[in-house]
Amino acid sequence: GPGLYYVDDGGTRLSGRMFSTGCGSSFAY
């Protein structure tokens, strides 16, 4: 089915239902 993962330069990998990145992410969240 649908999949959504967050990956960053530190090697973090997370699965979730909702993610936002960037300096405006707190407002988007």
mmCIF file of all heavy atoms, coordinates in Angstrom:
data_MODEL
# 
_entry.id   MODEL 
# 
loop_
_atom_site.group_PDB 
_atom_site.id 
_atom_site.type_symbol 
_atom_site.label_atom_id 
_atom_site.label_alt_id 
_atom_site.label_comp_id 
_atom_site.label_asym_id 
_atom_site.label_entity_id 
_atom_site.label_seq_id 
_atom_site.pdbx_PDB_ins_code 
_atom_site.Cartn_x 
_atom_site.Cartn_y 
_atom_site.Cartn_z 
_atom_site.occupancy 
_atom_site.B_iso_or_equiv 
_atom_site.pdbx_formal_charge 
_atom_site.auth_seq_id 
_atom_site.auth_comp_id 
_atom_site.auth_asym_id 
_atom_site.auth_atom_id 
_atom_site.pdbx_PDB_model_num 
ATOM 1   N N   . GLY A 1 1  ? 0.823  -1.200 0.000  1.00 0.00 ? 1  GLY A N   1 
ATOM 2   C CA  . GLY A 1 1  ? 0.000  0.000  0.000  1.00 0.00 ? 1  GLY A CA  1 
ATOM 3   C C   . GLY A 1 1  ? 0.860  1.254  0.000  1.00 0.00 ? 1  GLY A C   1 
ATOM 4   O O   . GLY A 1 1  ? 2.047  1.215  -0.342 1.00 0.00 ? 1  GLY A O   1 
ATOM 5   N N   . PRO A 1 2  ? 0.307  2.402  0.388  1.00 0.00 ? 2  PRO A N   1 
ATOM 6   C CA  . PRO A 1 2  ? 1.091  3.646  0.411  1.00 0.00 ? 2  PRO A CA  1 
ATOM 7   C C   . PRO A 1 2  ? 2.171  3.601  1.478  1.00 0.00 ? 2  PRO A C   1 
ATOM 8   O O   . PRO A 1 2  ? 1.969  3.058  2.571  1.00 0.00 ? 2  PRO A O   1 
ATOM 9   C CB  . PRO A 1 2  ? 0.041  4.727  0.724  1.00 0.00 ? 2  PRO A CB  1 
ATOM 10  C CG  . PRO A 1 2  ? -1.069 4.001  1.405  1.00 0.00 ? 2  PRO A CG  1 
ATOM 11  C CD  . PRO A 1 2  ? -1.100 2.623  0.817  1.00 0.00 ? 2  PRO A CD  1 
ATOM 12  N N   . GLY A 1 3  ? 3.331  4.166  1.155  1.00 0.00 ? 3  GLY A N   1 
ATOM 13  C CA  . GLY A 1 3  ? 4.453  4.191  2.100  1.00 0.00 ? 3  GLY A CA  1 
ATOM 14  C C   . GLY A 1 3  ? 5.055  5.574  2.195  1.00 0.00 ? 3  GLY A C   1 
ATOM 15  O O   . GLY A 1 3  ? 5.105  6.310  1.202  1.00 0.00 ? 3  GLY A O   1 
ATOM 16  N N   . LEU A 1 4  ? 5.499  5.934  3.394  1.00 0.00 ? 4  LEU A N   1 
ATOM 17  C CA  . LEU A 1 4  ? 6.110  7.242  3.631  1.00 0.00 ? 4  LEU A CA  1 
ATOM 18  C C   . LEU A 1 4  ? 7.242  7.090  4.636  1.00 0.00 ? 4  LEU A C   1 
ATOM 19  O O   . LEU A 1 4  ? 7.019  6.608  5.749  1.00 0.00 ? 4  LEU A O   1 
ATOM 20  C CB  . LEU A 1 4  ? 5.059  8.232  4.151  1.00 0.00 ? 4  LEU A CB  1 
ATOM 21  C CG  . LEU A 1 4  ? 5.545  9.630  4.574  1.00 0.00 ? 4  LEU A CG  1 
ATOM 22  C CD1 . LEU A 1 4  ? 6.228  10.344 3.408  1.00 0.00 ? 4  LEU A CD1 1 
ATOM 23  C CD2 . LEU A 1 4  ? 4.379  10.459 5.108  1.00 0.00 ? 4  LEU A CD2 1 
ATOM 24  N N   . TYR A 1 5  ? 8.463  7.471  4.237  1.00 0.00 ? 5  TYR A N   1 
ATOM 25  C CA  . TYR A 1 5  ? 9.649  7.359  5.087  1.00 0.00 ? 5  TYR A CA  1 
ATOM 26  C C   . TYR A 1 5  ? 10.421 8.671  5.087  1.00 0.00 ? 5  TYR A C   1 
ATOM 27  O O   . TYR A 1 5  ? 10.460 9.380  4.071  1.00 0.00 ? 5  TYR A O   1 
ATOM 28  C CB  . TYR A 1 5  ? 10.574 6.244  4.599  1.00 0.00 ? 5  TYR A CB  1 
ATOM 29  C CG  . TYR A 1 5  ? 10.042 4.850  4.828  1.00 0.00 ? 5  TYR A CG  1 
ATOM 30  C CD1 . TYR A 1 5  ? 9.131  4.298  3.942  1.00 0.00 ? 5  TYR A CD1 1 
ATOM 31  C CD2 . TYR A 1 5  ? 10.431 4.094  5.936  1.00 0.00 ? 5  TYR A CD2 1 
ATOM 32  C CE1 . TYR A 1 5  ? 8.622  3.026  4.141  1.00 0.00 ? 5  TYR A CE1 1 
ATOM 33  C CE2 . TYR A 1 5  ? 9.936  2.824  6.140  1.00 0.00 ? 5  TYR A CE2 1 
ATOM 34  C CZ  . TYR A 1 5  ? 9.031  2.289  5.248  1.00 0.00 ? 5  TYR A CZ  1 
ATOM 35  O OH  . TYR A 1 5  ? 8.529  1.024  5.464  1.00 0.00 ? 5  TYR A OH  1 
ATOM 36  N N   . TYR A 1 6  ? 11.029 8.955  6.226  1.00 0.00 ? 6  TYR A N   1 
ATOM 37  C CA  . TYR A 1 6  ? 11.913 10.117 6.363  1.00 0.00 ? 6  TYR A CA  1 
ATOM 38  C C   . TYR A 1 6  ? 13.348 9.612  6.477  1.00 0.00 ? 6  TYR A C   1 
ATOM 39  O O   . TYR A 1 6  ? 13.629 8.695  7.266  1.00 0.00 ? 6  TYR A O   1 
ATOM 40  C CB  . TYR A 1 6  ? 11.538 10.926 7.603  1.00 0.00 ? 6  TYR A CB  1 
ATOM 41  C CG  . TYR A 1 6  ? 12.587 11.946 8.009  1.00 0.00 ? 6  TYR A CG  1 
ATOM 42  C CD1 . TYR A 1 6  ? 12.677 13.174 7.349  1.00 0.00 ? 6  TYR A CD1 1 
ATOM 43  C CD2 . TYR A 1 6  ? 13.484 11.680 9.037  1.00 0.00 ? 6  TYR A CD2 1 
ATOM 44  C CE1 . TYR A 1 6  ? 13.636 14.108 7.711  1.00 0.00 ? 6  TYR A CE1 1 
ATOM 45  C CE2 . TYR A 1 6  ? 14.449 12.605 9.407  1.00 0.00 ? 6  TYR A CE2 1 
ATOM 46  C CZ  . TYR A 1 6  ? 14.517 13.812 8.740  1.00 0.00 ? 6  TYR A CZ  1 
ATOM 47  O OH  . TYR A 1 6  ? 15.482 14.724 9.094  1.00 0.00 ? 6  TYR A OH  1 
ATOM 48  N N   . VAL A 1 7  ? 14.255 10.191 5.695  1.00 0.00 ? 7  VAL A N   1 
ATOM 49  C CA  . VAL A 1 7  ? 15.675 9.828  5.729  1.00 0.00 ? 7  VAL A CA  1 
ATOM 50  C C   . VAL A 1 7  ? 16.492 11.113 5.765  1.00 0.00 ? 7  VAL A C   1 
ATOM 51  O O   . VAL A 1 7  ? 16.210 12.055 5.011  1.00 0.00 ? 7  VAL A O   1 
ATOM 52  C CB  . VAL A 1 7  ? 16.073 8.996  4.483  1.00 0.00 ? 7  VAL A CB  1 
ATOM 53  C CG1 . VAL A 1 7  ? 17.556 8.639  4.533  1.00 0.00 ? 7  VAL A CG1 1 
ATOM 54  C CG2 . VAL A 1 7  ? 15.232 7.735  4.380  1.00 0.00 ? 7  VAL A CG2 1 
ATOM 55  N N   . ASP A 1 8  ? 17.525 11.160 6.632  1.00 0.00 ? 8  ASP A N   1 
ATOM 56  C CA  . ASP A 1 8  ? 18.370 12.357 6.648  1.00 0.00 ? 8  ASP A CA  1 
ATOM 57  C C   . ASP A 1 8  ? 19.841 11.987 6.542  1.00 0.00 ? 8  ASP A C   1 
ATOM 58  O O   . ASP A 1 8  ? 20.200 10.809 6.474  1.00 0.00 ? 8  ASP A O   1 
ATOM 59  C CB  . ASP A 1 8  ? 18.091 13.226 7.881  1.00 0.00 ? 8  ASP A CB  1 
ATOM 60  C CG  . ASP A 1 8  ? 18.499 12.572 9.199  1.00 0.00 ? 8  ASP A CG  1 
ATOM 61  O OD1 . ASP A 1 8  ? 19.284 11.604 9.187  1.00 0.00 ? 8  ASP A OD1 1 
ATOM 62  O OD2 . ASP A 1 8  ? 18.030 13.030 10.252 1.00 0.00 ? 8  ASP A OD2 1 
ATOM 63  N N   . ASP A 1 9  ? 20.699 13.023 6.519  1.00 0.00 ? 9  ASP A N   1 
ATOM 64  C CA  . ASP A 1 9  ? 22.129 12.811 6.288  1.00 0.00 ? 9  ASP A CA  1 
ATOM 65  C C   . ASP A 1 9  ? 22.820 12.110 7.446  1.00 0.00 ? 9  ASP A C   1 
ATOM 66  O O   . ASP A 1 9  ? 23.951 11.640 7.293  1.00 0.00 ? 9  ASP A O   1 
ATOM 67  C CB  . ASP A 1 9  ? 22.819 14.155 6.010  1.00 0.00 ? 9  ASP A CB  1 
ATOM 68  C CG  . ASP A 1 9  ? 22.532 15.176 7.105  1.00 0.00 ? 9  ASP A CG  1 
ATOM 69  O OD1 . ASP A 1 9  ? 23.143 15.107 8.185  1.00 0.00 ? 9  ASP A OD1 1 
ATOM 70  O OD2 . ASP A 1 9  ? 21.677 16.049 6.892  1.00 0.00 ? 9  ASP A OD2 1 
ATOM 71  N N   . GLY A 1 10 ? 22.193 12.015 8.603  1.00 0.00 ? 10 GLY A N   1 
ATOM 72  C CA  . GLY A 1 10 ? 22.785 11.287 9.726  1.00 0.00 ? 10 GLY A CA  1 
ATOM 73  C C   . GLY A 1 10 ? 22.478 9.805  9.693  1.00 0.00 ? 10 GLY A C   1 
ATOM 74  O O   . GLY A 1 10 ? 22.918 9.059  10.576 1.00 0.00 ? 10 GLY A O   1 
ATOM 75  N N   . GLY A 1 11 ? 21.727 9.351  8.701  1.00 0.00 ? 11 GLY A N   1 
ATOM 76  C CA  . GLY A 1 11 ? 21.366 7.938  8.611  1.00 0.00 ? 11 GLY A CA  1 
ATOM 77  C C   . GLY A 1 11 ? 20.077 7.600  9.329  1.00 0.00 ? 11 GLY A C   1 
ATOM 78  O O   . GLY A 1 11 ? 19.720 6.429  9.445  1.00 0.00 ? 11 GLY A O   1 
ATOM 79  N N   . THR A 1 12 ? 19.356 8.620  9.805  1.00 0.00 ? 12 THR A N   1 
ATOM 80  C CA  . THR A 1 12 ? 18.056 8.377  10.446 1.00 0.00 ? 12 THR A CA  1 
ATOM 81  C C   . THR A 1 12 ? 17.037 7.945  9.387  1.00 0.00 ? 12 THR A C   1 
ATOM 82  O O   . THR A 1 12 ? 16.975 8.539  8.311  1.00 0.00 ? 12 THR A O   1 
ATOM 83  C CB  . THR A 1 12 ? 17.557 9.647  11.147 1.00 0.00 ? 12 THR A CB  1 
ATOM 84  O OG1 . THR A 1 12 ? 18.500 10.042 12.136 1.00 0.00 ? 12 THR A OG1 1 
ATOM 85  C CG2 . THR A 1 12 ? 16.201 9.415  11.811 1.00 0.00 ? 12 THR A CG2 1 
ATOM 86  N N   . ARG A 1 13 ? 16.254 6.929  9.718  1.00 0.00 ? 13 ARG A N   1 
ATOM 87  C CA  . ARG A 1 13 ? 15.204 6.455  8.805  1.00 0.00 ? 13 ARG A CA  1 
ATOM 88  C C   . ARG A 1 13 ? 13.968 6.139  9.638  1.00 0.00 ? 13 ARG A C   1 
ATOM 89  O O   . ARG A 1 13 ? 14.002 5.298  10.520 1.00 0.00 ? 13 ARG A O   1 
ATOM 90  C CB  . ARG A 1 13 ? 15.668 5.213  8.061  1.00 0.00 ? 13 ARG A CB  1 
ATOM 91  C CG  . ARG A 1 13 ? 14.602 4.530  7.194  1.00 0.00 ? 13 ARG A CG  1 
ATOM 92  C CD  . ARG A 1 13 ? 15.222 3.366  6.432  1.00 0.00 ? 13 ARG A CD  1 
ATOM 93  N NE  . ARG A 1 13 ? 14.236 2.549  5.765  1.00 0.00 ? 13 ARG A NE  1 
ATOM 94  C CZ  . ARG A 1 13 ? 13.658 1.460  6.289  1.00 0.00 ? 13 ARG A CZ  1 
ATOM 95  N NH1 . ARG A 1 13 ? 13.977 1.061  7.511  1.00 0.00 ? 13 ARG A NH1 1 
ATOM 96  N NH2 . ARG A 1 13 ? 12.770 0.767  5.598  1.00 0.00 ? 13 ARG A NH2 1 
ATOM 97  N N   . LEU A 1 14 ? 12.881 6.861  9.344  1.00 0.00 ? 14 LEU A N   1 
ATOM 98  C CA  . LEU A 1 14 ? 11.657 6.714  10.121 1.00 0.00 ? 14 LEU A CA  1 
ATOM 99  C C   . LEU A 1 14 ? 10.476 6.481  9.194  1.00 0.00 ? 14 LEU A C   1 
ATOM 100 O O   . LEU A 1 14 ? 10.388 7.087  8.127  1.00 0.00 ? 14 LEU A O   1 
ATOM 101 C CB  . LEU A 1 14 ? 11.395 7.975  10.956 1.00 0.00 ? 14 LEU A CB  1 
ATOM 102 C CG  . LEU A 1 14 ? 12.480 8.404  11.947 1.00 0.00 ? 14 LEU A CG  1 
ATOM 103 C CD1 . LEU A 1 14 ? 12.160 9.776  12.512 1.00 0.00 ? 14 LEU A CD1 1 
ATOM 104 C CD2 . LEU A 1 14 ? 12.619 7.386  13.062 1.00 0.00 ? 14 LEU A CD2 1 
ATOM 105 N N   . SER A 1 15 ? 9.577  5.622  9.620  1.00 0.00 ? 15 SER A N   1 
ATOM 106 C CA  . SER A 1 15 ? 8.321  5.417  8.906  1.00 0.00 ? 15 SER A CA  1 
ATOM 107 C C   . SER A 1 15 ? 7.217  6.116  9.688  1.00 0.00 ? 15 SER A C   1 
ATOM 108 O O   . SER A 1 15 ? 7.192  6.064  10.922 1.00 0.00 ? 15 SER A O   1 
ATOM 109 C CB  . SER A 1 15 ? 8.017  3.923  8.782  1.00 0.00 ? 15 SER A CB  1 
ATOM 110 O OG  . SER A 1 15 ? 6.741  3.722  8.218  1.00 0.00 ? 15 SER A OG  1 
ATOM 111 N N   . GLY A 1 16 ? 6.305  6.781  8.985  1.00 0.00 ? 16 GLY A N   1 
ATOM 112 C CA  . GLY A 1 16 ? 5.249  7.494  9.694  1.00 0.00 ? 16 GLY A CA  1 
ATOM 113 C C   . GLY A 1 16 ? 4.102  7.869  8.775  1.00 0.00 ? 16 GLY A C   1 
ATOM 114 O O   . GLY A 1 16 ? 4.123  7.597  7.571  1.00 0.00 ? 16 GLY A O   1 
ATOM 115 N N   . ARG A 1 17 ? 3.107  8.511  9.351  1.00 0.00 ? 17 ARG A N   1 
ATOM 116 C CA  . ARG A 1 17 ? 1.932  8.946  8.597  1.00 0.00 ? 17 ARG A CA  1 
ATOM 117 C C   . ARG A 1 17 ? 2.053  10.386 8.142  1.00 0.00 ? 17 ARG A C   1 
ATOM 118 O O   . ARG A 1 17 ? 1.338  10.815 7.238  1.00 0.00 ? 17 ARG A O   1 
ATOM 119 C CB  . ARG A 1 17 ? 0.662  8.774  9.437  1.00 0.00 ? 17 ARG A CB  1 
ATOM 120 C CG  . ARG A 1 17 ? 0.434  7.373  9.974  1.00 0.00 ? 17 ARG A CG  1 
ATOM 121 C CD  . ARG A 1 17 ? -1.014 7.143  10.332 1.00 0.00 ? 17 ARG A CD  1 
ATOM 122 N NE  . ARG A 1 17 ? -1.882 7.219  9.168  1.00 0.00 ? 17 ARG A NE  1 
ATOM 123 C CZ  . ARG A 1 17 ? -2.038 6.227  8.278  1.00 0.00 ? 17 ARG A CZ  1 
ATOM 124 N NH1 . ARG A 1 17 ? -1.375 5.098  8.427  1.00 0.00 ? 17 ARG A NH1 1 
ATOM 125 N NH2 . ARG A 1 17 ? -2.843 6.387  7.244  1.00 0.00 ? 17 ARG A NH2 1 
ATOM 126 N N   . MET A 1 18 ? 2.944  11.147 8.779  1.00 0.00 ? 18 MET A N   1 
ATOM 127 C CA  . MET A 1 18 ? 3.058  12.572 8.458  1.00 0.00 ? 18 MET A CA  1 
ATOM 128 C C   . MET A 1 18 ? 4.460  13.064 8.787  1.00 0.00 ? 18 MET A C   1 
ATOM 129 O O   . MET A 1 18 ? 4.986  12.766 9.858  1.00 0.00 ? 18 MET A O   1 
ATOM 130 C CB  . MET A 1 18 ? 2.038  13.363 9.277  1.00 0.00 ? 18 MET A CB  1 
ATOM 131 C CG  . MET A 1 18 ? 2.056  14.862 9.034  1.00 0.00 ? 18 MET A CG  1 
ATOM 132 S SD  . MET A 1 18 ? 1.216  15.758 10.364 1.00 0.00 ? 18 MET A SD  1 
ATOM 133 C CE  . MET A 1 18 ? -0.348 14.885 10.456 1.00 0.00 ? 18 MET A CE  1 
ATOM 134 N N   . PHE A 1 19 ? 5.094  13.783 7.854  1.00 0.00 ? 19 PHE A N   1 
ATOM 135 C CA  . PHE A 1 19 ? 6.397  14.388 8.089  1.00 0.00 ? 19 PHE A CA  1 
ATOM 136 C C   . PHE A 1 19 ? 6.438  15.759 7.443  1.00 0.00 ? 19 PHE A C   1 
ATOM 137 O O   . PHE A 1 19 ? 5.763  16.014 6.437  1.00 0.00 ? 19 PHE A O   1 
ATOM 138 C CB  . PHE A 1 19 ? 7.534  13.537 7.506  1.00 0.00 ? 19 PHE A CB  1 
ATOM 139 C CG  . PHE A 1 19 ? 7.764  12.232 8.204  1.00 0.00 ? 19 PHE A CG  1 
ATOM 140 C CD1 . PHE A 1 19 ? 7.462  11.039 7.567  1.00 0.00 ? 19 PHE A CD1 1 
ATOM 141 C CD2 . PHE A 1 19 ? 8.283  12.197 9.487  1.00 0.00 ? 19 PHE A CD2 1 
ATOM 142 C CE1 . PHE A 1 19 ? 7.670  9.827  8.201  1.00 0.00 ? 19 PHE A CE1 1 
ATOM 143 C CE2 . PHE A 1 19 ? 8.495  10.990 10.132 1.00 0.00 ? 19 PHE A CE2 1 
ATOM 144 C CZ  . PHE A 1 19 ? 8.185  9.799  9.488  1.00 0.00 ? 19 PHE A CZ  1 
ATOM 145 N N   . SER A 1 20 ? 7.242  16.639 8.014  1.00 0.00 ? 20 SER A N   1 
ATOM 146 C CA  . SER A 1 20 ? 7.529  17.925 7.405  1.00 0.00 ? 20 SER A CA  1 
ATOM 147 C C   . SER A 1 20 ? 8.982  18.263 7.690  1.00 0.00 ? 20 SER A C   1 
ATOM 148 O O   . SER A 1 20 ? 9.478  17.984 8.794  1.00 0.00 ? 20 SER A O   1 
ATOM 149 C CB  . SER A 1 20 ? 6.609  19.016 7.960  1.00 0.00 ? 20 SER A CB  1 
ATOM 150 O OG  . SER A 1 20 ? 6.871  20.256 7.327  1.00 0.00 ? 20 SER A OG  1 
ATOM 151 N N   . THR A 1 21 ? 9.677  18.811 6.708  1.00 0.00 ? 21 THR A N   1 
ATOM 152 C CA  . THR A 1 21 ? 11.098 19.138 6.885  1.00 0.00 ? 21 THR A CA  1 
ATOM 153 C C   . THR A 1 21 ? 11.342 20.572 6.460  1.00 0.00 ? 21 THR A C   1 
ATOM 154 O O   . THR A 1 21 ? 10.547 21.186 5.750  1.00 0.00 ? 21 THR A O   1 
ATOM 155 C CB  . THR A 1 21 ? 11.989 18.206 6.050  1.00 0.00 ? 21 THR A CB  1 
ATOM 156 O OG1 . THR A 1 21 ? 11.721 18.436 4.649  1.00 0.00 ? 21 THR A OG1 1 
ATOM 157 C CG2 . THR A 1 21 ? 11.737 16.748 6.367  1.00 0.00 ? 21 THR A CG2 1 
ATOM 158 N N   . GLY A 1 22 ? 12.474 21.112 6.889  1.00 0.00 ? 22 GLY A N   1 
ATOM 159 C CA  . GLY A 1 22 ? 12.857 22.476 6.546  1.00 0.00 ? 22 GLY A CA  1 
ATOM 160 C C   . GLY A 1 22 ? 12.586 23.446 7.672  1.00 0.00 ? 22 GLY A C   1 
ATOM 161 O O   . GLY A 1 22 ? 11.948 23.113 8.681  1.00 0.00 ? 22 GLY A O   1 
ATOM 162 N N   . CYS A 1 23 ? 13.063 24.686 7.490  1.00 0.00 ? 23 CYS A N   1 
ATOM 163 C CA  . CYS A 1 23 ? 12.930 25.674 8.571  1.00 0.00 ? 23 CYS A CA  1 
ATOM 164 C C   . CYS A 1 23 ? 11.497 26.153 8.743  1.00 0.00 ? 23 CYS A C   1 
ATOM 165 O O   . CYS A 1 23 ? 11.161 26.742 9.762  1.00 0.00 ? 23 CYS A O   1 
ATOM 166 C CB  . CYS A 1 23 ? 13.866 26.846 8.339  1.00 0.00 ? 23 CYS A CB  1 
ATOM 167 S SG  . CYS A 1 23 ? 13.608 27.699 6.786  1.00 0.00 ? 23 CYS A SG  1 
ATOM 168 N N   . GLY A 1 24 ? 10.624 25.895 7.761  1.00 0.00 ? 24 GLY A N   1 
ATOM 169 C CA  . GLY A 1 24 ? 9.217  26.244 7.916  1.00 0.00 ? 24 GLY A CA  1 
ATOM 170 C C   . GLY A 1 24 ? 8.358  25.087 8.379  1.00 0.00 ? 24 GLY A C   1 
ATOM 171 O O   . GLY A 1 24 ? 7.126  25.199 8.427  1.00 0.00 ? 24 GLY A O   1 
ATOM 172 N N   . SER A 1 25 ? 8.996  23.970 8.761  1.00 0.00 ? 25 SER A N   1 
ATOM 173 C CA  . SER A 1 25 ? 8.243  22.753 9.089  1.00 0.00 ? 25 SER A CA  1 
ATOM 174 C C   . SER A 1 25 ? 7.373  22.900 10.333 1.00 0.00 ? 25 SER A C   1 
ATOM 175 O O   . SER A 1 25 ? 6.293  22.310 10.409 1.00 0.00 ? 25 SER A O   1 
ATOM 176 C CB  . SER A 1 25 ? 9.196  21.570 9.265  1.00 0.00 ? 25 SER A CB  1 
ATOM 177 O OG  . SER A 1 25 ? 10.111 21.806 10.314 1.00 0.00 ? 25 SER A OG  1 
ATOM 178 N N   . SER A 1 26 ? 7.830  23.697 11.313 1.00 0.00 ? 26 SER A N   1 
ATOM 179 C CA  . SER A 1 26 ? 7.039  23.839 12.536 1.00 0.00 ? 26 SER A CA  1 
ATOM 180 C C   . SER A 1 26 ? 5.690  24.497 12.241 1.00 0.00 ? 26 SER A C   1 
ATOM 181 O O   . SER A 1 26 ? 4.665  24.126 12.826 1.00 0.00 ? 26 SER A O   1 
ATOM 182 C CB  . SER A 1 26 ? 7.811  24.649 13.586 1.00 0.00 ? 26 SER A CB  1 
ATOM 183 O OG  . SER A 1 26 ? 8.169  25.913 13.064 1.00 0.00 ? 26 SER A OG  1 
ATOM 184 N N   . PHE A 1 27 ? 5.670  25.460 11.313 1.00 0.00 ? 27 PHE A N   1 
ATOM 185 C CA  . PHE A 1 27 ? 4.415  26.110 10.935 1.00 0.00 ? 27 PHE A CA  1 
ATOM 186 C C   . PHE A 1 27 ? 3.524  25.146 10.147 1.00 0.00 ? 27 PHE A C   1 
ATOM 187 O O   . PHE A 1 27 ? 2.306  25.101 10.343 1.00 0.00 ? 27 PHE A O   1 
ATOM 188 C CB  . PHE A 1 27 ? 4.700  27.362 10.111 1.00 0.00 ? 27 PHE A CB  1 
ATOM 189 C CG  . PHE A 1 27 ? 5.692  28.298 10.749 1.00 0.00 ? 27 PHE A CG  1 
ATOM 190 C CD1 . PHE A 1 27 ? 6.928  28.515 10.180 1.00 0.00 ? 27 PHE A CD1 1 
ATOM 191 C CD2 . PHE A 1 27 ? 5.391  28.957 11.937 1.00 0.00 ? 27 PHE A CD2 1 
ATOM 192 C CE1 . PHE A 1 27 ? 7.849  29.358 10.780 1.00 0.00 ? 27 PHE A CE1 1 
ATOM 193 C CE2 . PHE A 1 27 ? 6.293  29.808 12.532 1.00 0.00 ? 27 PHE A CE2 1 
ATOM 194 C CZ  . PHE A 1 27 ? 7.534  30.007 11.960 1.00 0.00 ? 27 PHE A CZ  1 
ATOM 195 N N   . ALA A 1 28 ? 4.144  24.381 9.245  1.00 0.00 ? 28 ALA A N   1 
ATOM 196 C CA  . ALA A 1 28 ? 3.377  23.413 8.452  1.00 0.00 ? 28 ALA A CA  1 
ATOM 197 C C   . ALA A 1 28 ? 2.785  22.331 9.351  1.00 0.00 ? 28 ALA A C   1 
ATOM 198 O O   . ALA A 1 28 ? 1.632  21.928 9.173  1.00 0.00 ? 28 ALA A O   1 
ATOM 199 C CB  . ALA A 1 28 ? 4.268  22.792 7.383  1.00 0.00 ? 28 ALA A CB  1 
ATOM 200 N N   . TYR A 1 29 ? 3.557  21.860 10.330 1.00 0.00 ? 29 TYR A N   1 
ATOM 201 C CA  . TYR A 1 29 ? 3.053  20.849 11.267 1.00 0.00 ? 29 TYR A CA  1 
ATOM 202 C C   . TYR A 1 29 ? 1.822  21.350 12.009 1.00 0.00 ? 29 TYR A C   1 
ATOM 203 O O   . TYR A 1 29 ? 0.854  20.611 12.212 1.00 0.00 ? 29 TYR A O   1 
ATOM 204 C CB  . TYR A 1 29 ? 4.136  20.478 12.290 1.00 0.00 ? 29 TYR A CB  1 
ATOM 205 C CG  . TYR A 1 29 ? 4.990  19.293 11.914 1.00 0.00 ? 29 TYR A CG  1 
ATOM 206 C CD1 . TYR A 1 29 ? 6.377  19.376 11.947 1.00 0.00 ? 29 TYR A CD1 1 
ATOM 207 C CD2 . TYR A 1 29 ? 4.415  18.073 11.546 1.00 0.00 ? 29 TYR A CD2 1 
ATOM 208 C CE1 . TYR A 1 29 ? 7.171  18.294 11.613 1.00 0.00 ? 29 TYR A CE1 1 
ATOM 209 C CE2 . TYR A 1 29 ? 5.202  16.983 11.221 1.00 0.00 ? 29 TYR A CE2 1 
ATOM 210 C CZ  . TYR A 1 29 ? 6.574  17.097 11.252 1.00 0.00 ? 29 TYR A CZ  1 
ATOM 211 O OH  . TYR A 1 29 ? 7.359  16.013 10.928 1.00 0.00 ? 29 TYR A OH  1 
# 
